[in-house]
């Protein structure tokens, strides 16, 4: 019984951060932070973590309270709905 996915894993997963028209590839994410594959500068603000799993897309609205900096690939995120709108 062979694995149809050429990576050897059971699912093809891609993760990136979308901020306006910018797309930042992520190496991994957790509930409270993301890690970019490459360092990038992004200002604080709203964004979406976009997952594709076997060509099915899911989006998680988040806020980047500190933005992203080329000084580190990791930054904190918070749920967009948990941020007060005022």
Protein backbone atom coordinates (compact mmCIF):
# COMPACT_ATOMS: atom_id res chain seq x y z
CA UNK A 1 0.00 0.00 0.00
CA UNK A 2 1.75 3.17 -1.21
CA UNK A 3 1.44 6.77 -0.10
CA UNK A 4 -0.03 8.99 -2.85
CA UNK A 5 1.57 12.16 -1.45
CA UNK A 6 5.14 12.61 -2.81
CA UNK A 7 6.30 14.13 0.52
CA UNK A 8 5.65 10.83 2.31
CA UNK A 9 3.10 12.41 4.64
CA UNK A 10 -0.64 11.76 4.58
CA UNK A 11 -1.64 15.39 3.84
CA UNK A 12 -0.24 18.27 1.80
CA UNK A 13 -0.20 21.27 4.15
CA UNK A 14 0.79 24.87 3.37
CA UNK A 15 0.63 27.77 5.82
CA UNK A 16 1.10 31.48 5.20
CA UNK A 17 0.19 34.84 6.65
CA UNK A 18 -1.77 37.27 4.47
CA UNK A 19 -1.55 40.97 5.38
CA UNK A 20 -3.23 43.06 2.71
CA UNK A 21 -1.54 42.10 -0.55
CA UNK A 22 1.52 40.61 1.20
CA UNK A 23 1.91 36.86 1.61
CA UNK A 24 4.44 35.55 4.12
CA UNK A 25 5.21 31.82 4.12
CA UNK A 26 5.16 30.36 7.62
CA UNK A 27 7.21 27.45 8.88
CA UNK A 28 4.77 26.81 11.73
CA UNK A 29 2.11 28.36 13.89
CA UNK A 30 0.67 27.95 17.35
CA UNK A 31 -2.28 29.57 19.13
CA UNK A 32 -0.29 32.63 20.18
CA UNK A 33 2.58 32.96 17.68
CA UNK A 34 3.72 32.33 14.12
CA UNK A 35 7.18 31.70 12.68
CA UNK A 36 7.98 32.98 9.19
CA UNK A 37 10.16 30.93 6.85
CA UNK A 38 12.16 34.07 6.06
CA UNK A 39 12.52 37.27 8.13
CA UNK A 40 10.17 40.04 7.01
CA UNK A 41 9.08 43.51 8.12
CA UNK A 42 5.33 44.03 8.55
CA UNK A 43 3.62 46.74 10.59
CA UNK A 44 1.13 45.86 13.36
CA UNK A 45 -2.45 45.26 12.22
CA UNK A 46 -4.99 42.73 11.02
CA UNK A 47 -3.98 39.67 9.02
CA UNK A 48 -5.12 36.13 8.25
CA UNK A 49 -3.33 32.87 8.79
CA UNK A 50 -4.21 30.81 5.73
CA UNK A 51 -3.92 27.02 5.77
CA UNK A 52 -4.35 24.72 2.81
CA UNK A 53 -4.73 21.06 3.62
CA UNK A 54 -4.99 18.82 0.58
CA UNK A 55 -6.16 21.82 -1.50
CA UNK A 56 -8.89 22.82 0.99
CA UNK A 57 -8.35 26.35 2.31
CA UNK A 58 -9.02 27.59 5.85
CA UNK A 59 -8.50 31.11 7.21
CA UNK A 60 -7.96 32.32 10.77
CA UNK A 61 -8.36 36.09 11.29
CA UNK A 62 -5.66 37.41 13.63
CA UNK A 63 -4.06 40.63 14.74
CA UNK A 64 -0.31 41.20 14.76
CA UNK A 65 0.00 43.40 17.86
CA UNK A 66 3.74 43.93 17.32
CA UNK A 67 3.96 43.41 13.57
CA UNK A 68 6.87 41.39 12.22
CA UNK A 69 10.56 42.30 12.13
CA UNK A 70 13.57 41.04 10.21
CA UNK A 71 15.30 40.79 13.61
CA UNK A 72 13.36 37.59 14.33
CA UNK A 73 11.16 35.21 12.37
CA UNK A 74 8.75 34.69 15.31
CA UNK A 75 5.97 37.07 16.35
CA UNK A 76 2.89 36.97 18.54
CA UNK A 77 -0.63 36.88 17.16
CA UNK A 78 -3.99 37.29 18.84
CA UNK A 79 -7.48 36.31 17.76
CA UNK A 80 -9.02 39.21 15.91
CA UNK A 81 -12.39 38.73 17.64
CA UNK A 82 -10.76 38.98 21.08
CA UNK A 83 -9.48 42.50 20.37
CA UNK A 84 -11.85 45.28 21.43
CA UNK A 85 -13.07 47.25 18.36
CA UNK A 86 -12.70 50.60 20.14
